[in-house]
Amino acid sequence: MELNIGNSIFPGMNDKKGLMVCGYEWGFSEADQKLFESGEDVFFDKNAITTFSNKSPAHGKRALTWRYDKRIVKWFELWNHPLSREGLGGDFEKLILQTNWCNTQGYKIQESYYKKLINQNQIKNFISHIEYFQPSLILFMGSEIINILQDPLVKDQFEKILGCSEKPPIKIQKPFSGRQFKIGFQEFENCQVVSLPHPSSSRGLKDEYIQKFEPEIGVFITELKRKKGINS
């Protein structure tokens, strides 16, 4: 199996029952496209050890500027679970594993999200990673993902690995002066799922709104830390 992950595996932390950050597909920003098209020798060390919050050992300093990563790191801070971007950090940084439902890469999804993600090859990619890592907490970065998870083509396979869900997802909006996004929650026997707006392409999304969900999401992270023996 060729793993479709964005950072290193740390035994006892993100290799099993860790925290999975899962988006739609790998991004390829316009800035990076221009960089690669320029013919410049772009630094990349495939053997470097990295965490989600610090991929600079593999990609250089440009990794610390990626909008998607920066915003998710900010959200963890707003949920009172800050991530270090220095070195490999501590145990909490090693608890997180980044992947995407699709193994493709692009600037943005041109077709419908459903059509893209329900493709048999992409379902296979997603489910194979669920089976391999068996995460205890999944943060979907993209509000459509939790909807596609409910499709029997996906959910039946998902539940065979992480247990059944007795209820459909709950979607919550909170009072806010700006745009109010729906945040999804669904509990399975062996996994808690949270569905968030896409960090870098959701128009009108404010960090202050995401912070309002600290009471719900922060508890899930605290509980996972407790199970993994992480004190801070």
Protein backbone atom coordinates (compact mmCIF):
# COMPACT_ATOMS: atom_id res chain seq x y z
CA MET A 1 0.00 0.00 0.00
CA GLU A 2 1.33 3.44 -0.95
CA LEU A 3 0.45 5.80 1.87
CA ASN A 4 -1.17 9.09 0.95
CA ILE A 5 0.03 11.15 3.92
CA GLY A 6 1.60 14.56 4.44
CA ASN A 7 3.85 13.92 7.43
CA SER A 8 5.80 11.19 9.17
CA ILE A 9 4.40 8.28 11.14
CA PHE A 10 5.25 8.16 14.84
CA PRO A 11 4.73 4.75 16.50
CA GLY A 12 2.37 4.85 19.45
CA MET A 13 1.03 8.25 18.41
CA ASN A 14 -0.43 8.76 14.92
CA ASP A 15 0.16 5.23 13.62
CA LYS A 16 -3.02 3.94 15.29
CA LYS A 17 -5.94 5.66 17.04
CA GLY A 18 -4.55 9.14 16.55
CA LEU A 19 -5.94 12.40 15.18
CA MET A 20 -6.45 12.47 11.42
CA VAL A 21 -6.71 15.75 9.52
CA CYS A 22 -8.41 14.91 6.21
CA GLY A 23 -9.15 17.27 3.33
CA TYR A 24 -10.45 16.78 -0.22
CA GLU A 25 -7.21 16.46 -2.18
CA TRP A 26 -3.65 17.74 -2.08
CA GLY A 27 -3.41 21.42 -2.86
CA PHE A 28 -1.17 22.95 -5.49
CA SER A 29 -1.29 26.68 -4.98
CA GLU A 30 -0.77 29.15 -7.79
CA ALA A 31 2.42 30.33 -6.07
CA ASP A 32 3.81 26.79 -5.99
CA GLN A 33 2.75 26.20 -9.59
CA LYS A 34 4.74 29.24 -10.68
CA LEU A 35 7.69 28.12 -8.59
CA PHE A 36 7.81 24.71 -10.24
CA GLU A 37 7.18 26.12 -13.71
CA SER A 38 10.11 28.52 -13.29
CA GLY A 39 12.52 25.62 -13.44
CA GLU A 40 14.02 26.59 -10.10
CA ASP A 41 15.53 23.73 -8.13
CA VAL A 42 12.88 23.28 -5.42
CA PHE A 43 14.12 21.78 -2.17
CA PHE A 44 12.50 18.49 -1.19
CA ASP A 45 13.85 15.80 1.13
CA LYS A 46 11.65 12.71 0.93
CA ASN A 47 13.47 11.12 3.87
CA ALA A 48 12.99 14.04 6.26
CA ILE A 49 11.00 13.46 9.44
CA THR A 50 8.12 15.91 9.72
CA THR A 51 5.03 16.67 11.73
CA PHE A 52 1.85 18.15 10.28
CA SER A 53 2.63 21.51 11.84
CA ASN A 54 6.24 21.62 10.62
CA LYS A 55 7.00 20.21 7.19
CA SER A 56 9.99 22.50 6.65
CA PRO A 57 12.54 19.67 7.10
CA ALA A 58 11.11 18.16 3.90
CA HIS A 59 10.07 21.25 1.94
CA GLY A 60 12.08 24.14 3.31
CA LYS A 61 10.76 27.38 4.80
CA ARG A 62 8.04 27.69 2.14
CA ALA A 63 6.12 24.95 3.99
CA LEU A 64 5.57 27.34 6.88
CA THR A 65 3.80 29.78 4.55
CA TRP A 66 1.19 27.37 3.18
CA ARG A 67 -2.21 28.93 3.86
CA TYR A 68 -4.04 25.64 4.51
CA ASP A 69 -1.54 24.47 7.13
CA LYS A 70 -1.21 27.89 8.77
CA ARG A 71 -4.92 28.23 9.27
CA ILE A 72 -5.38 24.78 10.76
CA VAL A 73 -2.48 25.43 13.14
CA LYS A 74 -4.26 28.65 14.13
CA TRP A 75 -7.49 26.75 14.77
CA PHE A 76 -5.77 24.34 17.15
CA GLU A 77 -4.53 27.35 19.08
CA LEU A 78 -8.06 28.76 19.21
CA TRP A 79 -9.29 25.42 20.58
CA ASN A 80 -6.69 25.73 23.39
CA HIS A 81 -4.48 22.98 21.96
CA PRO A 82 -1.61 24.92 20.35
CA LEU A 83 0.81 23.21 17.99
CA SER A 84 4.53 23.90 17.89
CA ARG A 85 6.14 24.68 14.54
CA GLU A 86 9.64 24.28 15.96
CA GLY A 87 11.44 21.02 15.21
CA LEU A 88 9.27 17.98 15.87
CA GLY A 89 7.51 19.55 18.83
CA GLY A 90 6.27 17.16 21.50
CA ASP A 91 3.94 14.19 21.70
CA PHE A 92 0.86 16.15 20.68
CA GLU A 93 2.42 17.23 17.39
CA LYS A 94 3.22 13.57 16.71
CA LEU A 95 -0.39 12.56 17.38
CA ILE A 96 -1.60 14.22 14.16
CA LEU A 97 -1.59 12.62 10.74
CA GLN A 98 -2.48 14.55 7.59
CA THR A 99 -4.13 12.89 4.63
CA ASN A 100 -6.77 13.61 1.99
CA TRP A 101 -9.78 11.67 0.76
CA CYS A 102 -8.32 11.78 -2.76
CA ASN A 103 -4.79 10.95 -3.82
CA THR A 104 -4.92 13.61 -6.55
CA GLN A 105 -3.48 17.11 -6.51
CA GLY A 106 -4.91 20.34 -7.85
CA TYR A 107 -5.49 24.03 -7.34
CA LYS A 108 -9.22 23.43 -6.88
CA ILE A 109 -11.81 20.73 -7.60
CA GLN A 110 -13.32 21.49 -11.00
CA GLU A 111 -16.22 19.01 -10.87
CA SER A 112 -18.74 18.46 -8.08
CA TYR A 113 -17.31 17.33 -4.76
CA TYR A 114 -19.63 14.31 -4.77
CA LYS A 115 -18.53 13.18 -8.24
CA LYS A 116 -14.88 13.60 -7.29
CA LEU A 117 -14.98 11.82 -3.94
CA ILE A 118 -17.44 9.04 -4.81
CA ASN A 119 -15.11 7.73 -7.52
CA GLN A 120 -14.32 4.12 -6.64
CA ASN A 121 -10.56 4.72 -6.70
CA GLN A 122 -10.90 7.62 -4.28
CA ILE A 123 -13.21 5.73 -1.93
CA LYS A 124 -10.62 2.95 -1.93
CA ASN A 125 -7.88 5.47 -1.14
CA PHE A 126 -9.85 6.93 1.79
CA ILE A 127 -11.02 3.61 3.26
CA SER A 128 -7.56 2.04 2.99
CA HIS A 129 -6.17 4.83 5.16
CA ILE A 130 -9.01 4.49 7.67
CA GLU A 131 -8.25 0.78 7.90
CA TYR A 132 -4.51 1.31 8.19
CA PHE A 133 -4.55 4.07 10.83
CA GLN A 134 -7.94 3.51 12.57
CA PRO A 135 -8.09 7.11 13.87
CA SER A 136 -9.93 7.97 17.07
CA LEU A 137 -10.68 11.52 15.92
CA ILE A 138 -11.08 12.77 12.35
CA LEU A 139 -11.22 16.45 11.47
CA PHE A 140 -12.62 16.75 7.95
CA MET A 141 -11.40 19.95 6.32
CA GLY A 142 -14.27 20.54 3.93
CA SER A 143 -17.96 20.64 4.79
CA GLU A 144 -19.05 18.29 1.99
CA ILE A 145 -16.93 15.36 3.18
CA ILE A 146 -19.21 14.32 6.02
CA ASN A 147 -22.15 14.25 3.60
CA ILE A 148 -20.32 11.89 1.26
CA LEU A 149 -19.36 9.73 4.23
CA GLN A 150 -23.10 8.93 4.63
CA ASP A 151 -23.29 7.33 1.17
CA PRO A 152 -23.69 3.55 1.64
CA LEU A 153 -20.76 2.99 -0.74
CA VAL A 154 -18.56 4.64 1.89
CA LYS A 155 -20.33 4.34 5.23
CA ASP A 156 -20.76 0.56 5.14
CA GLN A 157 -17.00 0.10 4.73
CA PHE A 158 -16.19 2.84 7.28
CA GLU A 159 -18.42 1.26 9.93
CA LYS A 160 -16.84 -2.17 9.47
CA ILE A 161 -13.57 -0.60 10.62
CA LEU A 162 -14.56 2.03 13.20
CA GLY A 163 -17.93 0.76 14.38
CA CYS A 164 -21.47 1.88 13.77
CA SER A 165 -23.03 5.28 14.18
CA GLU A 166 -26.46 5.18 15.73
CA LYS A 167 -27.39 8.66 14.52
CA PRO A 168 -26.89 10.80 11.42
CA PRO A 169 -24.49 13.75 11.69
CA ILE A 170 -25.54 16.78 13.71
CA LYS A 171 -24.82 20.14 12.10
CA ILE A 172 -24.53 23.17 14.32
CA GLN A 173 -24.52 26.89 13.59
CA LYS A 174 -23.71 29.44 16.29
CA PRO A 175 -24.64 33.11 16.57
CA PHE A 176 -22.04 35.31 14.91
CA SER A 177 -21.88 38.75 13.36
CA GLY A 178 -20.30 37.37 10.18
CA ARG A 179 -21.07 34.34 8.03
CA GLN A 180 -22.28 31.35 10.04
CA PHE A 181 -21.03 28.00 8.77
CA LYS A 182 -22.46 24.64 9.78
CA ILE A 183 -20.04 22.44 11.71
CA GLY A 184 -20.82 18.73 11.57
CA PHE A 185 -20.42 16.14 14.31
CA GLN A 186 -20.92 12.39 14.13
CA GLU A 187 -20.02 9.75 16.68
CA PHE A 188 -19.04 6.22 15.71
CA GLU A 189 -18.26 3.44 18.19
CA ASN A 190 -14.50 3.95 17.90
CA CYS A 191 -14.17 7.36 16.29
CA GLN A 192 -15.45 10.91 16.60
CA VAL A 193 -15.87 12.83 13.36
CA VAL A 194 -15.91 16.62 13.05
CA SER A 195 -16.61 18.35 9.72
CA LEU A 196 -15.27 21.87 9.26
CA PRO A 197 -15.33 24.38 6.40
CA HIS A 198 -12.34 24.23 4.09
CA PRO A 199 -9.66 26.38 5.77
CA SER A 200 -8.33 28.12 2.67
CA SER A 201 -11.26 28.32 0.25
CA SER A 202 -14.37 29.06 2.33
CA ARG A 203 -15.46 32.62 1.61
CA GLY A 204 -16.32 34.69 4.64
CA LEU A 205 -14.88 32.18 7.11
CA LYS A 206 -13.53 33.88 10.23
CA ASP A 207 -11.23 32.33 12.79
CA GLU A 208 -13.39 33.90 15.50
CA TYR A 209 -16.30 31.77 14.33
CA ILE A 210 -14.26 28.55 14.44
CA GLN A 211 -13.17 29.50 17.96
CA LYS A 212 -16.79 29.36 19.09
CA PHE A 213 -16.62 25.57 18.72
CA GLU A 214 -13.77 25.22 21.21
CA PRO A 215 -16.10 23.75 23.89
CA GLU A 216 -17.05 20.86 21.59
CA ILE A 217 -13.84 20.22 19.64
CA GLY A 218 -11.47 21.00 22.49
CA VAL A 219 -13.08 18.26 24.59
CA PHE A 220 -12.49 15.67 21.88
CA ILE A 221 -8.81 16.59 21.66
CA THR A 222 -8.42 16.61 25.45
CA GLU A 223 -9.94 13.14 25.68
CA LEU A 224 -7.69 11.79 22.93
CA LYS A 225 -4.64 13.24 24.66
CA ARG A 226 -5.72 11.54 27.88
CA LYS A 227 -6.05 8.18 26.15
CA LYS A 228 -2.58 8.61 24.64
CA GLY A 229 -1.03 9.71 27.94
CA ILE A 230 -0.27 13.26 26.76
CA ASN A 231 -0.39 15.72 29.62
CA SER A 232 -0.37 19.04 27.79
